[in-house]
PDB file of N, CA and C in Angstrom:
ATOM      1  N   MET A   1      83.662  65.176  68.027  1.00  0.00           N
ATOM      2  CA  MET A   1      83.762  65.788  69.333  1.00  0.00           C
ATOM      3  C   MET A   1      85.217  66.081  69.682  1.00  0.00           C
ATOM      4  N   LYS A   2      86.125  65.154  69.301  1.00  0.00           N
ATOM      5  CA  LYS A   2      87.543  65.357  69.587  1.00  0.00           C
ATOM      6  C   LYS A   2      88.086  66.536  68.801  1.00  0.00           C
ATOM      7  N   LYS A   3      87.642  66.677  67.538  1.00  0.00           N
ATOM      8  CA  LYS A   3      88.115  67.793  66.723  1.00  0.00           C
ATOM      9  C   LYS A   3      87.681  69.125  67.328  1.00  0.00           C
ATOM     10  N   LEU A   4      86.439  69.183  67.795  1.00  0.00           N
ATOM     11  CA  LEU A   4      85.923  70.410  68.398  1.00  0.00           C
ATOM     12  C   LEU A   4      86.721  70.768  69.653  1.00  0.00           C
ATOM     13  N   THR A   5      87.037  69.780  70.467  1.00  0.00           N
ATOM     14  CA  THR A   5      87.811  70.005  71.685  1.00  0.00           C
ATOM     15  C   THR A   5      89.209  70.514  71.344  1.00  0.00           C
ATOM     16  N   VAL A   6      89.838  69.922  70.342  1.00  0.00           N
ATOM     17  CA  VAL A   6      91.178  70.336  69.928  1.00  0.00           C
ATOM     18  C   VAL A   6      91.148  71.758  69.381  1.00  0.00           C
ATOM     19  N   ILE A   7      90.152  72.081  68.584  1.00  0.00           N
ATOM     20  CA  ILE A   7      90.050  73.420  68.004  1.00  0.00           C
ATOM     21  C   ILE A   7      89.823  74.462  69.098  1.00  0.00           C
ATOM     22  N   LEU A   8      88.890  74.183  70.018  1.00  0.00           N
ATOM     23  CA  LEU A   8      88.623  75.121  71.100  1.00  0.00           C
ATOM     24  C   LEU A   8      89.843  75.305  71.998  1.00  0.00           C
ATOM     25  N   THR A   9      90.537  74.224  72.295  1.00  0.00           N
ATOM     26  CA  THR A   9      91.729  74.300  73.126  1.00  0.00           C
ATOM     27  C   THR A   9      92.797  75.145  72.460  1.00  0.00           C
ATOM     28  N   SER A  10      92.997  74.949  71.162  1.00  0.00           N
ATOM     29  CA  SER A  10      94.019  75.720  70.463  1.00  0.00           C
ATOM     30  C   SER A  10      93.644  77.198  70.378  1.00  0.00           C
ATOM     31  N   ILE A  11      92.365  77.500  70.212  1.00  0.00           N
ATOM     32  CA  ILE A  11      91.928  78.901  70.164  1.00  0.00           C
ATOM     33  C   ILE A  11      92.149  79.567  71.517  1.00  0.00           C
ATOM     34  N   ILE A  12      91.774  78.881  72.580  1.00  0.00           N
ATOM     35  CA  ILE A  12      91.948  79.442  73.919  1.00  0.00           C
ATOM     36  C   ILE A  12      93.425  79.622  74.225  1.00  0.00           C
ATOM     37  N   PHE A  13      94.237  78.643  73.902  1.00  0.00           N
ATOM     38  CA  PHE A  13      95.676  78.739  74.146  1.00  0.00           C
ATOM     39  C   PHE A  13      96.283  79.895  73.363  1.00  0.00           C
ATOM     40  N   SER A  14      95.886  80.050  72.103  1.00  0.00           N
ATOM     41  CA  SER A  14      96.390  81.150  71.281  1.00  0.00           C
ATOM     42  C   SER A  14      95.994  82.503  71.872  1.00  0.00           C
ATOM     43  N   ALA A  15      94.764  82.600  72.341  1.00  0.00           N
ATOM     44  CA  ALA A  15      94.301  83.852  72.924  1.00  0.00           C
ATOM     45  C   ALA A  15      95.083  84.181  74.193  1.00  0.00           C
ATOM     46  N   LEU A  16      95.375  83.168  74.976  1.00  0.00           N
ATOM     47  CA  LEU A  16      96.135  83.397  76.200  1.00  0.00           C
ATOM     48  C   LEU A  16      97.565  83.820  75.901  1.00  0.00           C
ATOM     49  N   VAL A  17      98.178  83.183  74.930  1.00  0.00           N
ATOM     50  CA  VAL A  17      99.565  83.488  74.598  1.00  0.00           C
ATOM     51  C   VAL A  17      99.690  84.867  73.960  1.00  0.00           C
ATOM     52  N   THR A  18      98.825  85.194  73.017  1.00  0.00           N
ATOM     53  CA  THR A  18      98.939  86.475  72.315  1.00  0.00           C
ATOM     54  C   THR A  18      98.375  87.630  73.121  1.00  0.00           C
ATOM     55  N   GLY A  19      97.464  87.365  74.046  1.00  0.00           N
ATOM     56  CA  GLY A  19      96.841  88.438  74.822  1.00  0.00           C
ATOM     57  C   GLY A  19      97.572  88.751  76.111  1.00  0.00           C
ATOM     58  N   GLY A  20      98.671  88.070  76.385  1.00  0.00           N
ATOM     59  CA  GLY A  20      99.404  88.295  77.633  1.00  0.00           C
ATOM     60  C   GLY A  20     100.069  89.656  77.642  1.00  0.00           C
ATOM     61  N   ALA A  21     100.144  90.262  78.794  1.00  0.00           N
ATOM     62  CA  ALA A  21     100.787  91.563  78.937  1.00  0.00           C
ATOM     63  C   ALA A  21     102.275  91.359  79.165  1.00  0.00           C
ATOM     64  N   SER A  22     103.045  92.293  78.656  1.00  0.00           N
ATOM     65  CA  SER A  22     104.480  92.223  78.896  1.00  0.00           C
ATOM     66  C   SER A  22     104.922  93.503  79.581  1.00  0.00           C
ATOM     67  N   ALA A  23     105.940  93.393  80.405  1.00  0.00           N
ATOM     68  CA  ALA A  23     106.432  94.546  81.148  1.00  0.00           C
ATOM     69  C   ALA A  23     107.348  95.377  80.276  1.00  0.00           C
ATOM     70  N   ASP A  24     107.266  96.680  80.429  1.00  0.00           N
ATOM     71  CA  ASP A  24     108.152  97.594  79.721  1.00  0.00           C
ATOM     72  C   ASP A  24     109.315  97.900  80.651  1.00  0.00           C
ATOM     73  N   TYR A  25     110.460  97.295  80.381  1.00  0.00           N
ATOM     74  CA  TYR A  25     111.604  97.440  81.262  1.00  0.00           C
ATOM     75  C   TYR A  25     112.347  98.751  81.064  1.00  0.00           C
ATOM     76  N   SER A  26     111.950  99.570  80.093  1.00  0.00           N
ATOM     77  CA  SER A  26     112.607 100.850  79.878  1.00  0.00           C
ATOM     78  C   SER A  26     112.120 101.905  80.869  1.00  0.00           C
ATOM     79  N   ILE A  27     111.021 101.630  81.560  1.00  0.00           N
ATOM     80  CA  ILE A  27     110.474 102.571  82.529  1.00  0.00           C
ATOM     81  C   ILE A  27     111.038 102.237  83.894  1.00  0.00           C
ATOM     82  N   SER A  28     111.617 103.232  84.555  1.00  0.00           N
ATOM     83  CA  SER A  28     112.184 102.975  85.883  1.00  0.00           C
ATOM     84  C   SER A  28     111.106 103.160  86.942  1.00  0.00           C
ATOM     85  N   PRO A  29     111.180 102.408  88.022  1.00  0.00           N
ATOM     86  CA  PRO A  29     110.170 102.541  89.079  1.00  0.00           C
ATOM     87  C   PRO A  29     110.290 103.890  89.782  1.00  0.00           C
ATOM     88  N   VAL A  30     109.189 104.350  90.334  1.00  0.00           N
ATOM     89  CA  VAL A  30     109.182 105.607  91.069  1.00  0.00           C
ATOM     90  C   VAL A  30     109.920 105.407  92.371  1.00  0.00           C
ATOM     91  N   GLN A  31     110.798 106.315  92.689  1.00  0.00           N
ATOM     92  CA  GLN A  31     111.547 106.198  93.937  1.00  0.00           C
ATOM     93  C   GLN A  31     110.814 106.941  95.036  1.00  0.00           C
ATOM     94  N   GLN A  32     110.754 106.330  96.207  1.00  0.00           N
ATOM     95  CA  GLN A  32     110.053 106.930  97.340  1.00  0.00           C
ATOM     96  C   GLN A  32     110.890 108.058  97.910  1.00  0.00           C
ATOM     97  N   ASN A  33     110.239 109.173  98.165  1.00  0.00           N
ATOM     98  CA  ASN A  33     110.890 110.313  98.780  1.00  0.00           C
ATOM     99  C   ASN A  33     110.643 110.211 100.281  1.00  0.00           C
ATOM    100  N   ASP A  34     111.704 109.947 101.057  1.00  0.00           N
ATOM    101  CA  ASP A  34     111.551 109.764 102.503  1.00  0.00           C
ATOM    102  C   ASP A  34     111.058 111.018 103.206  1.00  0.00           C
ATOM    103  N   GLU A  35     111.223 112.177 102.569  1.00  0.00           N
ATOM    104  CA  GLU A  35     110.761 113.425 103.163  1.00  0.00           C
ATOM    105  C   GLU A  35     109.237 113.429 103.321  1.00  0.00           C
ATOM    106  N   TRP A  36     108.516 112.734 102.411  1.00  0.00           N
ATOM    107  CA  TRP A  36     107.063 112.723 102.432  1.00  0.00           C
ATOM    108  C   TRP A  36     106.490 111.539 103.209  1.00  0.00           C
ATOM    109  N   ALA A  37     107.314 110.602 103.597  1.00  0.00           N
ATOM    110  CA  ALA A  37     106.825 109.391 104.245  1.00  0.00           C
ATOM    111  C   ALA A  37     105.941 109.655 105.462  1.00  0.00           C
ATOM    112  N   PRO A  38     106.263 110.614 106.355  1.00  0.00           N
ATOM    113  CA  PRO A  38     105.381 110.827 107.514  1.00  0.00           C
ATOM    114  C   PRO A  38     103.986 111.327 107.133  1.00  0.00           C
ATOM    115  N   TYR A  39     103.848 111.943 105.981  1.00  0.00           N
ATOM    116  CA  TYR A  39     102.571 112.514 105.592  1.00  0.00           C
ATOM    117  C   TYR A  39     101.640 111.522 104.914  1.00  0.00           C
ATOM    118  N   ILE A  40     102.167 110.393 104.461  1.00  0.00           N
ATOM    119  CA  ILE A  40     101.325 109.426 103.767  1.00  0.00           C
ATOM    120  C   ILE A  40     101.045 108.171 104.595  1.00  0.00           C
ATOM    121  N   SER A  41     101.645 108.069 105.764  1.00  0.00           N
ATOM    122  CA  SER A  41     101.398 106.891 106.588  1.00  0.00           C
ATOM    123  C   SER A  41     100.057 107.028 107.299  1.00  0.00           C
ATOM    124  N   VAL A  42      99.396 105.898 107.507  1.00  0.00           N
ATOM    125  CA  VAL A  42      98.106 105.872 108.189  1.00  0.00           C
ATOM    126  C   VAL A  42      98.285 105.110 109.490  1.00  0.00           C
ATOM    127  N   ALA A  43      97.922 105.743 110.578  1.00  0.00           N
ATOM    128  CA  ALA A  43      98.078 105.105 111.883  1.00  0.00           C
ATOM    129  C   ALA A  43      96.811 104.350 112.251  1.00  0.00           C
ATOM    130  N   GLU A  44      96.993 103.191 112.838  1.00  0.00           N
ATOM    131  CA  GLU A  44      95.869 102.419 113.360  1.00  0.00           C
ATOM    132  C   GLU A  44      95.824 102.633 114.868  1.00  0.00           C
ATOM    133  N   PRO A  45      94.635 102.599 115.448  1.00  0.00           N
ATOM    134  CA  PRO A  45      94.539 102.732 116.911  1.00  0.00           C
ATOM    135  C   PRO A  45      95.297 101.608 117.615  1.00  0.00           C
ATOM    136  N   ASN A  46      95.647 101.854 118.860  1.00  0.00           N
ATOM    137  CA  ASN A  46      96.331 100.850 119.671  1.00  0.00           C
ATOM    138  C   ASN A  46      95.438  99.620 119.850  1.00  0.00           C
ATOM    139  N   PRO A  47      96.037  98.452 120.076  1.00  0.00           N
ATOM    140  CA  PRO A  47      95.250  97.238 120.319  1.00  0.00           C
ATOM    141  C   PRO A  47      94.317  97.394 121.517  1.00  0.00           C
ATOM    142  N   ILE A  48      93.231  96.622 121.507  1.00  0.00           N
ATOM    143  CA  ILE A  48      92.225  96.664 122.568  1.00  0.00           C
ATOM    144  C   ILE A  48      92.198  95.313 123.263  1.00  0.00           C
ATOM    145  N   GLU A  49      92.128  95.339 124.584  1.00  0.00           N
ATOM    146  CA  GLU A  49      92.022  94.090 125.335  1.00  0.00           C
ATOM    147  C   GLU A  49      90.561  93.832 125.673  1.00  0.00           C
ATOM    148  N   LEU A  50      90.021  92.738 125.147  1.00  0.00           N
ATOM    149  CA  LEU A  50      88.642  92.333 125.460  1.00  0.00           C
ATOM    150  C   LEU A  50      88.693  91.535 126.751  1.00  0.00           C
ATOM    151  N   SER A  51      87.891  91.945 127.740  1.00  0.00           N
ATOM    152  CA  SER A  51      87.930  91.276 129.037  1.00  0.00           C
ATOM    153  C   SER A  51      86.803  90.262 129.223  1.00  0.00           C
ATOM    154  N   ALA A  52      85.883  90.201 128.251  1.00  0.00           N
ATOM    155  CA  ALA A  52      84.769  89.252 128.325  1.00  0.00           C
ATOM    156  C   ALA A  52      84.515  88.676 126.930  1.00  0.00           C
ATOM    157  N   ILE A  53      83.725  87.629 126.853  1.00  0.00           N
ATOM    158  CA  ILE A  53      83.354  87.070 125.552  1.00  0.00           C
ATOM    159  C   ILE A  53      82.603  88.141 124.777  1.00  0.00           C
ATOM    160  N   THR A  54      83.034  88.394 123.541  1.00  0.00           N
ATOM    161  CA  THR A  54      82.485  89.476 122.723  1.00  0.00           C
ATOM    162  C   THR A  54      82.001  88.928 121.397  1.00  0.00           C
ATOM    163  N   VAL A  55      80.773  89.243 121.028  1.00  0.00           N
ATOM    164  CA  VAL A  55      80.208  88.811 119.754  1.00  0.00           C
ATOM    165  C   VAL A  55      80.736  89.735 118.664  1.00  0.00           C
ATOM    166  N   PHE A  56      81.118  89.153 117.508  1.00  0.00           N
ATOM    167  CA  PHE A  56      81.543  89.991 116.392  1.00  0.00           C
ATOM    168  C   PHE A  56      80.614  89.780 115.204  1.00  0.00           C
ATOM    169  N   TYR A  57      80.483  90.823 114.386  1.00  0.00           N
ATOM    170  CA  TYR A  57      79.464  90.885 113.336  1.00  0.00           C
ATOM    171  C   TYR A  57      80.078  91.181 111.974  1.00  0.00           C
ATOM    172  N   ALA A  58      79.342  90.823 110.917  1.00  0.00           N
ATOM    173  CA  ALA A  58      79.780  91.098 109.549  1.00  0.00           C
ATOM    174  C   ALA A  58      79.700  92.591 109.244  1.00  0.00           C
ATOM    175  N   ALA A  59      78.727  93.278 109.828  1.00  0.00           N
ATOM    176  CA  ALA A  59      78.526  94.716 109.650  1.00  0.00           C
ATOM    177  C   ALA A  59      77.933  95.248 110.948  1.00  0.00           C
ATOM    178  N   PRO A  60      78.032  96.556 111.194  1.00  0.00           N
ATOM    179  CA  PRO A  60      77.440  97.108 112.413  1.00  0.00           C
ATOM    180  C   PRO A  60      75.955  96.761 112.513  1.00  0.00           C
ATOM    181  N   GLY A  61      75.580  96.057 113.555  1.00  0.00           N
ATOM    182  CA  GLY A  61      74.199  95.651 113.751  1.00  0.00           C
ATOM    183  C   GLY A  61      73.735  94.569 112.797  1.00  0.00           C
ATOM    184  N   GLY A  62      74.660  93.971 112.055  1.00  0.00           N
ATOM    185  CA  GLY A  62      74.300  92.962 111.059  1.00  0.00           C
ATOM    186  C   GLY A  62      74.332  91.552 111.607  1.00  0.00           C
ATOM    187  N   LYS A  63      74.646  90.620 110.742  1.00  0.00           N
ATOM    188  CA  LYS A  63      74.657  89.197 111.073  1.00  0.00           C
ATOM    189  C   LYS A  63      75.839  88.862 111.985  1.00  0.00           C
ATOM    190  N   SER A  64      75.557  88.116 113.038  1.00  0.00           N
ATOM    191  CA  SER A  64      76.597  87.672 113.955  1.00  0.00           C
ATOM    192  C   SER A  64      77.441  86.588 113.288  1.00  0.00           C
ATOM    193  N   LEU A  65      78.762  86.729 113.399  1.00  0.00           N
ATOM    194  CA  LEU A  65      79.667  85.740 112.812  1.00  0.00           C
ATOM    195  C   LEU A  65      80.200  84.755 113.841  1.00  0.00           C
ATOM    196  N   GLY A  66      80.148  85.134 115.110  1.00  0.00           N
ATOM    197  CA  GLY A  66      80.679  84.278 116.157  1.00  0.00           C
ATOM    198  C   GLY A  66      81.009  85.119 117.380  1.00  0.00           C
ATOM    199  N   SER A  67      81.843  84.568 118.247  1.00  0.00           N
ATOM    200  CA  SER A  67      82.240  85.308 119.437  1.00  0.00           C
ATOM    201  C   SER A  67      83.731  85.129 119.684  1.00  0.00           C
ATOM    202  N   LEU A  68      84.293  86.103 120.378  1.00  0.00           N
ATOM    203  CA  LEU A  68      85.718  86.106 120.690  1.00  0.00           C
ATOM    204  C   LEU A  68      85.900  85.896 122.188  1.00  0.00           C
ATOM    205  N   GLU A  69      86.822  85.043 122.558  1.00  0.00           N
ATOM    206  CA  GLU A  69      87.208  84.878 123.952  1.00  0.00           C
ATOM    207  C   GLU A  69      87.968  86.139 124.386  1.00  0.00           C
ATOM    208  N   PRO A  70      88.131  86.373 125.679  1.00  0.00           N
ATOM    209  CA  PRO A  70      88.945  87.513 126.110  1.00  0.00           C
ATOM    210  C   PRO A  70      90.347  87.424 125.498  1.00  0.00           C
ATOM    211  N   GLN A  71      90.761  88.509 124.853  1.00  0.00           N
ATOM    212  CA  GLN A  71      92.038  88.552 124.153  1.00  0.00           C
ATOM    213  C   GLN A  71      92.325  89.984 123.724  1.00  0.00           C
ATOM    214  N   VAL A  72      93.486  90.196 123.148  1.00  0.00           N
ATOM    215  CA  VAL A  72      93.852  91.496 122.600  1.00  0.00           C
ATOM    216  C   VAL A  72      93.556  91.459 121.109  1.00  0.00           C
ATOM    217  N   VAL A  73      92.817  92.476 120.608  1.00  0.00           N
ATOM    218  CA  VAL A  73      92.474  92.560 119.186  1.00  0.00           C
ATOM    219  C   VAL A  73      93.016  93.864 118.614  1.00  0.00           C
ATOM    220  N   ARG A  74      93.237  93.855 117.305  1.00  0.00           N
ATOM    221  CA  ARG A  74      93.733  95.051 116.615  1.00  0.00           C
ATOM    222  C   ARG A  74      92.605  95.714 115.835  1.00  0.00           C
ATOM    223  N   PRO A  75      92.340  96.995 116.082  1.00  0.00           N
ATOM    224  CA  PRO A  75      91.335  97.719 115.302  1.00  0.00           C
ATOM    225  C   PRO A  75      91.878  98.077 113.920  1.00  0.00           C
ATOM    226  N   THR A  76      90.992  98.176 112.943  1.00  0.00           N
ATOM    227  CA  THR A  76      91.388  98.602 111.599  1.00  0.00           C
ATOM    228  C   THR A  76      91.450 100.114 111.491  1.00  0.00           C
ATOM    229  N   GLY A  77      90.778 100.799 112.412  1.00  0.00           N
ATOM    230  CA  GLY A  77      90.698 102.255 112.355  1.00  0.00           C
ATOM    231  C   GLY A  77      89.326 102.736 111.925  1.00  0.00           C
ATOM    232  N   ASN A  78      88.460 101.827 111.466  1.00  0.00           N
ATOM    233  CA  ASN A  78      87.099 102.192 111.064  1.00  0.00           C
ATOM    234  C   ASN A  78      86.188 102.160 112.281  1.00  0.00           C
ATOM    235  N   ILE A  79      85.509 103.285 112.533  1.00  0.00           N
ATOM    236  CA  ILE A  79      84.612 103.403 113.674  1.00  0.00           C
ATOM    237  C   ILE A  79      83.297 103.977 113.168  1.00  0.00           C
ATOM    238  N   LEU A  80      82.186 103.416 113.630  1.00  0.00           N
ATOM    239  CA  LEU A  80      80.858 103.903 113.269  1.00  0.00           C
ATOM    240  C   LEU A  80      80.012 103.926 114.540  1.00  0.00           C
ATOM    241  N   GLY A  81      79.926 105.101 115.174  1.00  0.00           N
ATOM    242  CA  GLY A  81      79.211 105.212 116.443  1.00  0.00           C
ATOM    243  C   GLY A  81      79.916 104.387 117.508  1.00  0.00           C
ATOM    244  N   ASP A  82      79.201 103.431 118.109  1.00  0.00           N
ATOM    245  CA  ASP A  82      79.786 102.535 119.110  1.00  0.00           C
ATOM    246  C   ASP A  82      80.379 101.273 118.489  1.00  0.00           C
ATOM    247  N   TRP A  83      80.393 101.197 117.170  1.00  0.00           N
ATOM    248  CA  TRP A  83      80.894 100.016 116.472  1.00  0.00           C
ATOM    249  C   TRP A  83      82.331 100.244 116.030  1.00  0.00           C
ATOM    250  N   LEU A  84      83.154  99.228 116.226  1.00  0.00           N
ATOM    251  CA  LEU A  84      84.564  99.277 115.905  1.00  0.00           C
ATOM    252  C   LEU A  84      84.919  98.082 115.019  1.00  0.00           C
ATOM    253  N   GLN A  85      85.588  98.350 113.917  1.00  0.00           N
ATOM    254  CA  GLN A  85      86.011  97.251 113.043  1.00  0.00           C
ATOM    255  C   GLN A  85      87.371  96.750 113.505  1.00  0.00           C
ATOM    256  N   ILE A  86      87.502  95.421 113.577  1.00  0.00           N
ATOM    257  CA  ILE A  86      88.751  94.799 114.028  1.00  0.00           C
ATOM    258  C   ILE A  86      89.192  93.731 113.034  1.00  0.00           C
ATOM    259  N   TYR A  87      90.456  93.313 113.166  1.00  0.00           N
ATOM    260  CA  TYR A  87      90.970  92.191 112.389  1.00  0.00           C
ATOM    261  C   TYR A  87      90.745  90.912 113.194  1.00  0.00           C
ATOM    262  N   THR A  88      90.217  89.872 112.544  1.00  0.00           N
ATOM    263  CA  THR A  88      90.050  88.576 113.190  1.00  0.00           C
ATOM    264  C   THR A  88      90.602  87.496 112.263  1.00  0.00           C
ATOM    265  N   TRP A  89      90.646  86.261 112.738  1.00  0.00           N
ATOM    266  CA  TRP A  89      91.055  85.141 111.892  1.00  0.00           C
ATOM    267  C   TRP A  89      90.040  84.936 110.770  1.00  0.00           C
ATOM    268  N   PHE A  90      88.853  85.489 110.939  1.00  0.00           N
ATOM    269  CA  PHE A  90      87.763  85.350 109.979  1.00  0.00           C
ATOM    270  C   PHE A  90      87.819  86.440 108.915  1.00  0.00           C
ATOM    271  N   GLY A  91      88.676  87.427 109.130  1.00  0.00           N
ATOM    272  CA  GLY A  91      88.756  88.613 108.280  1.00  0.00           C
ATOM    273  C   GLY A  91      88.381  89.830 109.110  1.00  0.00           C
ATOM    274  N   GLU A  92      87.993  90.898 108.458  1.00  0.00           N
ATOM    275  CA  GLU A  92      87.578  92.086 109.188  1.00  0.00           C
ATOM    276  C   GLU A  92      86.155  91.886 109.712  1.00  0.00           C
ATOM    277  N   ALA A  93      85.920  92.311 110.947  1.00  0.00           N
ATOM    278  CA  ALA A  93      84.612  92.155 111.577  1.00  0.00           C
ATOM    279  C   ALA A  93      84.372  93.345 112.490  1.00  0.00           C
ATOM    280  N   TRP A  94      83.138  93.483 112.956  1.00  0.00           N
ATOM    281  CA  TRP A  94      82.744  94.609 113.801  1.00  0.00           C
ATOM    282  C   TRP A  94      82.358  94.123 115.190  1.00  0.00           C
ATOM    283  N   ILE A  95      82.734  94.900 116.212  1.00  0.00           N
ATOM    284  CA  ILE A  95      82.305  94.650 117.578  1.00  0.00           C
ATOM    285  C   ILE A  95      81.674  95.934 118.123  1.00  0.00           C
ATOM    286  N   ASN A  96      80.789  95.777 119.098  1.00  0.00           N
ATOM    287  CA  ASN A  96      80.123  96.921 119.697  1.00  0.00           C
ATOM    288  C   ASN A  96      80.803  97.238 121.021  1.00  0.00           C
ATOM    289  N   ILE A  97      81.397  98.439 121.104  1.00  0.00           N
ATOM    290  CA  ILE A  97      82.044  98.893 122.338  1.00  0.00           C
ATOM    291  C   ILE A  97      81.508 100.288 122.630  1.00  0.00           C
ATOM    292  N   PRO A  98      80.470 100.391 123.471  1.00  0.00           N
ATOM    293  CA  PRO A  98      79.911 101.710 123.800  1.00  0.00           C
ATOM    294  C   PRO A  98      80.943 102.623 124.452  1.00  0.00           C
ATOM    295  N   GLY A  99      80.997 103.850 123.985  1.00  0.00           N
ATOM    296  CA  GLY A  99      81.899 104.841 124.556  1.00  0.00           C
ATOM    297  C   GLY A  99      83.362 104.678 124.177  1.00  0.00           C
ATOM    298  N   TYR A 100      83.665 103.893 123.167  1.00  0.00           N
ATOM    299  CA  TYR A 100      85.065 103.668 122.769  1.00  0.00           C
ATOM    300  C   TYR A 100      85.665 104.948 122.202  1.00  0.00           C
ATOM    301  N   VAL A 101      86.846 105.301 122.697  1.00  0.00           N
ATOM    302  CA  VAL A 101      87.611 106.419 122.171  1.00  0.00           C
ATOM    303  C   VAL A 101      88.981 105.869 121.769  1.00  0.00           C
ATOM    304  N   PRO A 102      89.337 105.964 120.487  1.00  0.00           N
ATOM    305  CA  PRO A 102      90.613 105.373 120.047  1.00  0.00           C
ATOM    306  C   PRO A 102      91.816 106.126 120.615  1.00  0.00           C
ATOM    307  N   SER A 103      92.871 105.383 120.898  1.00  0.00           N
ATOM    308  CA  SER A 103      94.148 105.984 121.292  1.00  0.00           C
ATOM    309  C   SER A 103      95.206 105.485 120.314  1.00  0.00           C
ATOM    310  N   TYR A 104      96.107 106.359 119.978  1.00  0.00           N
ATOM    311  CA  TYR A 104      97.111 106.034 118.961  1.00  0.00           C
ATOM    312  C   TYR A 104      98.502 105.994 119.558  1.00  0.00           C
TER     313      TYR A 104
END
């Protein structure tokens, strides 16, 4: 059993060492052209102030993950009908805000 463990360990170690990727330092990184920067940036809507306890969901109309106390939240920019995706301590989640119109 010890021999088998030693053989397997050495095979795995050899595969890891020989299969590792190495960086090619002869290639220079692409330099950012500041002239194009305004065209590739993505704007997120302004933060939203929740004035009441709000339930947040894993997906629009999906499983409830919990509720948020009144606070300011940041939208991700994803909107589906009356559903708005926001950033939470739990990760990205959805809240229902009827009639929401994003402002930037």
